[in-house]
N, C-alpha and C. Protein backbone atom coordinates (compact mmCIF):
# COMPACT_ATOMS: atom_id res chain seq x y z
N GLN A 1 0.88 -1.25 -0.14
CA GLN A 1 0.02 -0.10 0.00
C GLN A 1 0.94 1.08 -0.20
N VAL A 2 0.10 2.45 -0.74
CA VAL A 2 1.00 3.80 -0.65
C VAL A 2 -0.09 4.86 0.04
N GLN A 3 0.74 5.42 1.17
CA GLN A 3 -0.32 6.53 1.50
C GLN A 3 0.60 7.79 1.06
N LEU A 4 -0.38 8.77 0.67
CA LEU A 4 -0.08 10.01 0.28
C LEU A 4 -0.85 11.21 1.11
N VAL A 5 0.05 12.10 1.74
CA VAL A 5 -0.48 13.07 2.76
C VAL A 5 -0.11 14.58 2.16
N GLU A 6 -1.07 15.23 1.65
CA GLU A 6 -0.90 16.92 1.19
C GLU A 6 -1.07 17.47 2.16
N SER A 7 -0.12 18.62 2.20
CA SER A 7 -0.01 19.82 3.15
C SER A 7 0.14 21.20 2.39
N GLY A 8 0.00 22.06 3.02
CA GLY A 8 0.40 23.67 2.48
C GLY A 8 -1.06 24.10 1.95
N GLY A 9 -1.97 23.51 1.79
CA GLY A 9 -3.06 24.40 1.20
C GLY A 9 -3.51 25.32 2.20
N GLY A 10 -4.29 26.38 1.98
CA GLY A 10 -4.73 27.59 2.66
C GLY A 10 -5.28 28.67 1.92
N LEU A 11 -5.16 29.93 2.34
CA LEU A 11 -5.72 31.06 1.59
C LEU A 11 -4.73 32.20 1.41
N VAL A 12 -4.88 32.64 0.08
CA VAL A 12 -3.64 33.51 -0.54
C VAL A 12 -4.61 34.45 -1.29
N GLN A 13 -3.72 35.57 -1.41
CA GLN A 13 -4.37 36.71 -2.23
C GLN A 13 -4.33 36.48 -3.67
N ALA A 14 -5.03 36.80 -4.67
CA ALA A 14 -4.57 36.74 -5.97
C ALA A 14 -3.07 37.56 -6.42
N GLY A 15 -2.26 36.55 -7.06
CA GLY A 15 -0.99 37.10 -7.35
C GLY A 15 0.06 36.76 -6.48
N GLY A 16 -0.37 35.85 -5.25
CA GLY A 16 0.46 35.38 -4.24
C GLY A 16 0.78 34.03 -4.89
N SER A 17 1.58 33.63 -4.01
CA SER A 17 1.89 31.84 -4.04
C SER A 17 1.81 30.88 -2.90
N LEU A 18 1.97 29.77 -3.16
CA LEU A 18 1.54 28.72 -2.12
C LEU A 18 2.59 27.52 -2.66
N ARG A 19 2.83 26.76 -1.68
CA ARG A 19 3.74 25.59 -2.09
C ARG A 19 2.86 24.40 -1.26
N LEU A 20 2.40 23.21 -2.08
CA LEU A 20 1.75 22.37 -1.61
C LEU A 20 2.82 21.14 -1.69
N SER A 21 2.62 20.39 -0.67
CA SER A 21 3.59 19.13 -0.39
C SER A 21 2.61 18.04 -0.22
N CYS A 22 3.26 16.67 -0.79
CA CYS A 22 3.00 15.45 -0.86
C CYS A 22 3.84 14.16 -0.42
N ALA A 23 3.84 14.12 0.82
CA ALA A 23 4.69 13.05 1.50
C ALA A 23 4.13 11.58 1.07
N ARG A 24 5.05 10.86 0.77
CA ARG A 24 5.04 9.31 0.40
C ARG A 24 5.10 8.49 1.50
N SER A 25 4.57 7.21 1.68
CA SER A 25 5.10 6.53 2.38
C SER A 25 4.76 5.15 1.95
N GLY A 26 4.92 4.03 2.67
CA GLY A 26 4.67 2.46 2.30
C GLY A 26 5.70 2.27 1.03
N LEU A 27 4.79 1.46 0.45
CA LEU A 27 5.59 0.88 -0.87
C LEU A 27 5.84 1.94 -2.07
N THR A 28 6.58 2.53 -1.74
CA THR A 28 6.51 3.80 -2.93
C THR A 28 7.71 3.54 -3.85
N SER A 29 8.56 2.60 -3.66
CA SER A 29 9.80 2.22 -4.71
C SER A 29 9.31 2.21 -6.08
N SER A 30 8.20 1.52 -6.16
CA SER A 30 7.63 1.51 -7.68
C SER A 30 6.89 2.49 -8.16
N MET A 31 6.47 4.04 -7.37
CA MET A 31 5.52 4.49 -7.84
C MET A 31 6.26 5.51 -8.54
N ASP A 32 6.32 5.62 -9.84
CA ASP A 32 7.39 6.44 -10.78
C ASP A 32 6.75 7.57 -11.39
N SER A 33 5.44 7.61 -11.08
CA SER A 33 4.32 8.62 -11.55
C SER A 33 3.78 9.20 -10.50
N MET A 34 4.08 10.64 -10.52
CA MET A 34 3.26 11.27 -9.41
C MET A 34 2.95 12.52 -10.00
N GLY A 35 1.69 12.94 -9.59
CA GLY A 35 0.76 13.87 -10.28
C GLY A 35 -0.25 14.64 -9.14
N TRP A 36 -0.26 15.84 -9.86
CA TRP A 36 -1.18 16.68 -8.66
C TRP A 36 -2.45 16.91 -9.61
N PHE A 37 -3.77 16.86 -9.16
CA PHE A 37 -4.95 17.06 -9.57
C PHE A 37 -5.73 18.09 -8.94
N ARG A 38 -6.87 18.76 -9.60
CA ARG A 38 -7.76 19.40 -8.51
C ARG A 38 -9.28 19.22 -9.08
N GLN A 39 -9.88 19.60 -8.24
CA GLN A 39 -11.40 19.35 -8.21
C GLN A 39 -12.19 20.31 -7.61
N ALA A 40 -12.90 20.95 -8.50
CA ALA A 40 -13.98 22.08 -7.95
C ALA A 40 -15.18 21.45 -7.68
N PRO A 41 -16.21 22.24 -6.80
CA PRO A 41 -17.61 21.43 -6.33
C PRO A 41 -18.29 20.87 -7.68
N GLY A 42 -18.71 19.85 -7.82
CA GLY A 42 -19.71 19.41 -8.86
C GLY A 42 -19.00 19.46 -10.23
N LYS A 43 -17.69 19.53 -10.11
CA LYS A 43 -16.76 19.38 -11.22
C LYS A 43 -16.06 17.80 -11.47
N GLU A 44 -15.43 17.64 -12.62
CA GLU A 44 -14.75 16.41 -12.87
C GLU A 44 -13.28 16.81 -12.17
N ARG A 45 -12.53 16.13 -11.61
CA ARG A 45 -11.16 16.34 -11.28
C ARG A 45 -10.41 16.56 -12.48
N GLU A 46 -9.80 17.71 -12.30
CA GLU A 46 -8.78 18.18 -13.22
C GLU A 46 -7.04 17.63 -13.45
N PHE A 47 -6.61 17.28 -14.30
CA PHE A 47 -5.08 17.06 -14.34
C PHE A 47 -4.28 18.64 -14.48
N VAL A 48 -3.27 18.54 -13.14
CA VAL A 48 -2.53 19.85 -13.11
C VAL A 48 -1.26 19.77 -13.44
N ALA A 49 -0.50 18.76 -12.91
CA ALA A 49 0.91 18.37 -13.24
C ALA A 49 1.41 17.17 -13.08
N THR A 50 2.42 16.68 -13.54
CA THR A 50 2.77 15.25 -13.14
C THR A 50 4.45 15.46 -13.29
N ILE A 51 4.92 14.52 -12.54
CA ILE A 51 6.63 14.21 -12.70
C ILE A 51 6.82 12.63 -12.66
N ARG A 52 7.49 12.57 -13.80
CA ARG A 52 8.29 10.96 -13.47
C ARG A 52 9.31 10.94 -12.47
N TRP A 53 9.13 10.19 -11.28
CA TRP A 53 10.01 10.34 -10.48
C TRP A 53 11.34 9.74 -10.70
N SER A 54 11.66 8.90 -11.57
CA SER A 54 13.05 8.45 -11.94
C SER A 54 13.91 9.20 -12.74
N VAL A 55 13.32 10.00 -13.59
CA VAL A 55 13.99 10.68 -14.46
C VAL A 55 13.58 12.11 -14.48
N GLY A 56 12.41 12.62 -13.67
CA GLY A 56 12.25 14.38 -13.62
C GLY A 56 11.54 14.61 -14.94
N ILE A 57 10.96 13.83 -15.76
CA ILE A 57 10.14 14.46 -16.60
C ILE A 57 9.13 15.03 -16.09
N ARG A 58 8.59 16.37 -16.80
CA ARG A 58 7.41 16.85 -16.02
C ARG A 58 6.53 17.34 -17.36
N ASP A 59 5.36 17.48 -16.95
CA ASP A 59 4.13 17.79 -17.91
C ASP A 59 3.27 18.73 -17.35
N TYR A 60 2.75 19.69 -17.66
CA TYR A 60 1.46 20.52 -17.00
C TYR A 60 0.24 20.85 -17.90
N ALA A 61 -0.81 21.14 -17.19
CA ALA A 61 -1.89 21.78 -17.78
C ALA A 61 -1.73 22.91 -18.41
N ASP A 62 -2.30 23.23 -19.61
CA ASP A 62 -2.08 24.27 -20.16
C ASP A 62 -2.50 25.72 -19.35
N SER A 63 -3.37 25.28 -18.32
CA SER A 63 -3.91 26.40 -17.45
C SER A 63 -2.85 26.78 -16.41
N VAL A 64 -2.10 25.99 -16.09
CA VAL A 64 -0.97 26.21 -15.03
C VAL A 64 0.26 26.45 -15.68
N LYS A 65 0.73 26.31 -17.09
CA LYS A 65 2.20 26.71 -17.48
C LYS A 65 2.70 27.75 -17.26
N GLY A 66 3.82 27.73 -16.81
CA GLY A 66 4.49 28.90 -16.55
C GLY A 66 4.13 29.73 -15.23
N ARG A 67 3.27 29.25 -14.27
CA ARG A 67 2.88 29.71 -13.07
C ARG A 67 3.24 28.46 -11.96
N PHE A 68 3.11 27.41 -12.23
CA PHE A 68 3.23 26.34 -11.33
C PHE A 68 4.30 25.39 -11.79
N THR A 69 5.06 24.91 -10.58
CA THR A 69 6.12 23.87 -10.87
C THR A 69 6.14 22.51 -10.23
N ILE A 70 6.13 21.52 -10.54
CA ILE A 70 6.17 20.35 -9.92
C ILE A 70 7.75 19.85 -9.73
N SER A 71 7.94 19.42 -8.57
CA SER A 71 9.27 19.05 -8.09
C SER A 71 8.97 17.69 -7.32
N ARG A 72 10.47 17.14 -7.03
CA ARG A 72 10.47 16.02 -6.00
C ARG A 72 11.74 16.14 -5.36
N ASP A 73 11.56 15.32 -4.16
CA ASP A 73 12.85 15.27 -3.15
C ASP A 73 12.91 13.82 -2.69
N ASN A 74 13.88 13.48 -3.17
CA ASN A 74 14.28 11.87 -3.15
C ASN A 74 14.41 11.64 -1.36
N ALA A 75 15.20 12.66 -0.83
CA ALA A 75 15.36 12.19 0.43
C ALA A 75 14.30 12.36 1.59
N GLU A 76 13.38 13.34 1.00
CA GLU A 76 12.24 13.40 1.81
C GLU A 76 10.97 12.88 1.37
N ASN A 77 11.49 12.00 0.17
CA ASN A 77 10.31 11.06 -0.33
C ASN A 77 8.86 11.79 -0.64
N THR A 78 9.26 13.10 -1.03
CA THR A 78 7.84 14.04 -1.17
C THR A 78 8.15 14.56 -2.61
N VAL A 79 6.61 15.02 -2.90
CA VAL A 79 6.55 15.61 -4.43
C VAL A 79 5.80 17.32 -3.87
N TYR A 80 6.23 17.95 -4.78
CA TYR A 80 6.10 19.43 -4.07
C TYR A 80 5.10 20.14 -5.61
N LEU A 81 3.97 21.01 -5.07
CA LEU A 81 3.56 21.81 -6.17
C LEU A 81 3.61 23.38 -5.69
N GLN A 82 4.87 24.02 -6.35
CA GLN A 82 4.78 25.53 -6.18
C GLN A 82 3.78 26.14 -7.12
N MET A 83 3.14 27.18 -6.58
CA MET A 83 2.23 27.54 -7.30
C MET A 83 2.42 29.14 -7.23
N ASN A 84 2.56 29.99 -8.32
CA ASN A 84 3.03 31.16 -8.33
C ASN A 84 1.73 31.98 -9.10
N SER A 85 1.89 33.40 -8.86
CA SER A 85 0.86 34.08 -9.85
C SER A 85 -0.47 33.85 -9.74
N MET A 86 -1.26 33.17 -8.59
CA MET A 86 -2.20 32.57 -8.25
C MET A 86 -3.26 33.49 -8.74
N LYS A 87 -4.57 32.95 -9.05
CA LYS A 87 -5.80 33.42 -9.57
C LYS A 87 -7.06 32.87 -9.00
N PRO A 88 -8.09 33.47 -8.67
CA PRO A 88 -9.37 33.02 -8.08
C PRO A 88 -9.68 31.63 -8.44
N GLU A 89 -9.18 31.73 -10.10
CA GLU A 89 -9.96 30.15 -10.47
C GLU A 89 -9.08 29.10 -9.94
N ASP A 90 -8.02 29.34 -9.44
CA ASP A 90 -7.32 28.10 -8.83
C ASP A 90 -7.78 27.67 -7.54
N THR A 91 -8.69 28.27 -7.04
CA THR A 91 -9.51 27.96 -5.60
C THR A 91 -10.50 26.58 -6.09
N VAL A 92 -9.92 25.55 -5.51
CA VAL A 92 -10.34 24.23 -5.75
C VAL A 92 -9.76 23.33 -4.45
N VAL A 93 -10.12 22.01 -4.39
CA VAL A 93 -9.16 21.07 -3.70
C VAL A 93 -8.24 20.49 -4.43
N TYR A 94 -6.98 20.61 -3.89
CA TYR A 94 -5.93 19.89 -4.72
C TYR A 94 -5.40 18.43 -4.39
N TYR A 95 -5.34 17.58 -4.99
CA TYR A 95 -5.15 15.96 -4.73
C TYR A 95 -3.76 15.56 -5.27
N CYS A 96 -2.94 14.70 -4.39
CA CYS A 96 -1.70 14.27 -4.83
C CYS A 96 -2.21 12.81 -5.23
N ALA A 97 -1.45 12.26 -6.55
CA ALA A 97 -1.77 10.89 -7.14
C ALA A 97 -0.26 10.26 -7.37
N ALA A 98 -0.39 9.11 -7.07
CA ALA A 98 0.84 8.31 -7.33
C ALA A 98 0.52 7.08 -8.35
N GLY A 99 1.11 6.31 -9.02
CA GLY A 99 1.21 5.39 -9.84
C GLY A 99 2.53 4.65 -10.42
N ARG A 100 2.16 3.44 -10.82
CA ARG A 100 3.45 2.74 -10.81
C ARG A 100 3.82 3.21 -12.67
N ARG A 101 2.90 3.45 -13.40
CA ARG A 101 3.27 3.55 -14.81
C ARG A 101 2.74 5.46 -15.03
N TRP A 102 3.45 5.64 -16.17
CA TRP A 102 3.47 7.33 -16.61
C TRP A 102 2.10 7.62 -16.57
N ARG A 103 1.89 8.51 -15.92
CA ARG A 103 0.55 9.16 -16.12
C ARG A 103 -0.78 8.10 -15.89
N GLN A 104 -0.41 7.21 -15.28
CA GLN A 104 -1.47 6.09 -14.77
C GLN A 104 -1.65 6.21 -12.99
N PHE A 105 -2.43 6.55 -12.54
CA PHE A 105 -2.55 6.96 -11.07
C PHE A 105 -3.71 5.86 -10.44
N GLU A 106 -2.73 5.52 -9.03
CA GLU A 106 -3.67 4.24 -8.55
C GLU A 106 -4.21 4.65 -7.03
N TYR A 107 -3.06 5.75 -6.34
CA TYR A 107 -3.24 5.98 -5.21
C TYR A 107 -3.68 7.48 -5.30
N TRP A 108 -4.36 7.72 -4.33
CA TRP A 108 -4.76 9.32 -3.86
C TRP A 108 -4.84 9.72 -2.70
N GLY A 109 -4.29 10.91 -2.74
CA GLY A 109 -4.26 11.57 -1.04
C GLY A 109 -5.69 12.24 -0.95
N GLN A 110 -5.74 12.68 0.38
CA GLN A 110 -6.99 13.15 0.91
C GLN A 110 -7.46 14.42 0.43
N GLY A 111 -6.60 15.15 -0.12
CA GLY A 111 -6.81 16.52 -0.87
C GLY A 111 -6.85 17.74 0.20
N THR A 112 -6.25 19.05 -0.18
CA THR A 112 -5.70 19.84 0.30
C THR A 112 -6.60 21.23 -0.12
N GLN A 113 -7.49 21.99 0.68
CA GLN A 113 -8.01 23.15 -0.03
C GLN A 113 -7.13 24.33 -0.35
N VAL A 114 -7.46 24.77 -1.39
CA VAL A 114 -6.70 26.16 -1.81
C VAL A 114 -7.65 27.34 -1.94
N THR A 115 -7.73 28.50 -1.35
CA THR A 115 -8.45 29.39 -1.59
C THR A 115 -7.75 30.80 -2.13
N VAL A 116 -7.87 31.46 -3.23
CA VAL A 116 -7.30 32.43 -3.72
C VAL A 116 -8.56 33.55 -3.52
N SER A 117 -8.19 34.48 -3.21
CA SER A 117 -8.89 35.79 -2.83
C SER A 117 -8.76 37.06 -3.78
N SER A 118 -9.89 37.71 -4.33
CA SER A 118 -9.46 38.67 -5.30
C SER A 118 -9.48 39.86 -4.71
């Protein structure tokens, strides 16, 4: 089993920054695909960013390119999402995800709320 625990959500003003963290634990050695998704009430979960743990390949949704950066720390076994130039439409719950294959996710965190005030 794999456990994912997100942290770092909160309230920020438009134009500001937040950094989300996702701490991995359990059988994570095979979890090569890590990602961030977000979901607004009543809407489908939306892809935000992904990173391939072994080689560091990254990909982003068009809506966050140039503003958000995904990264990982091997020593801390943690993946991060640095969010800059935030907009009110970034206000949603953010979820961390993990999977064995690239862009295929099997495990999910509990989510962390991000609110951007205008």
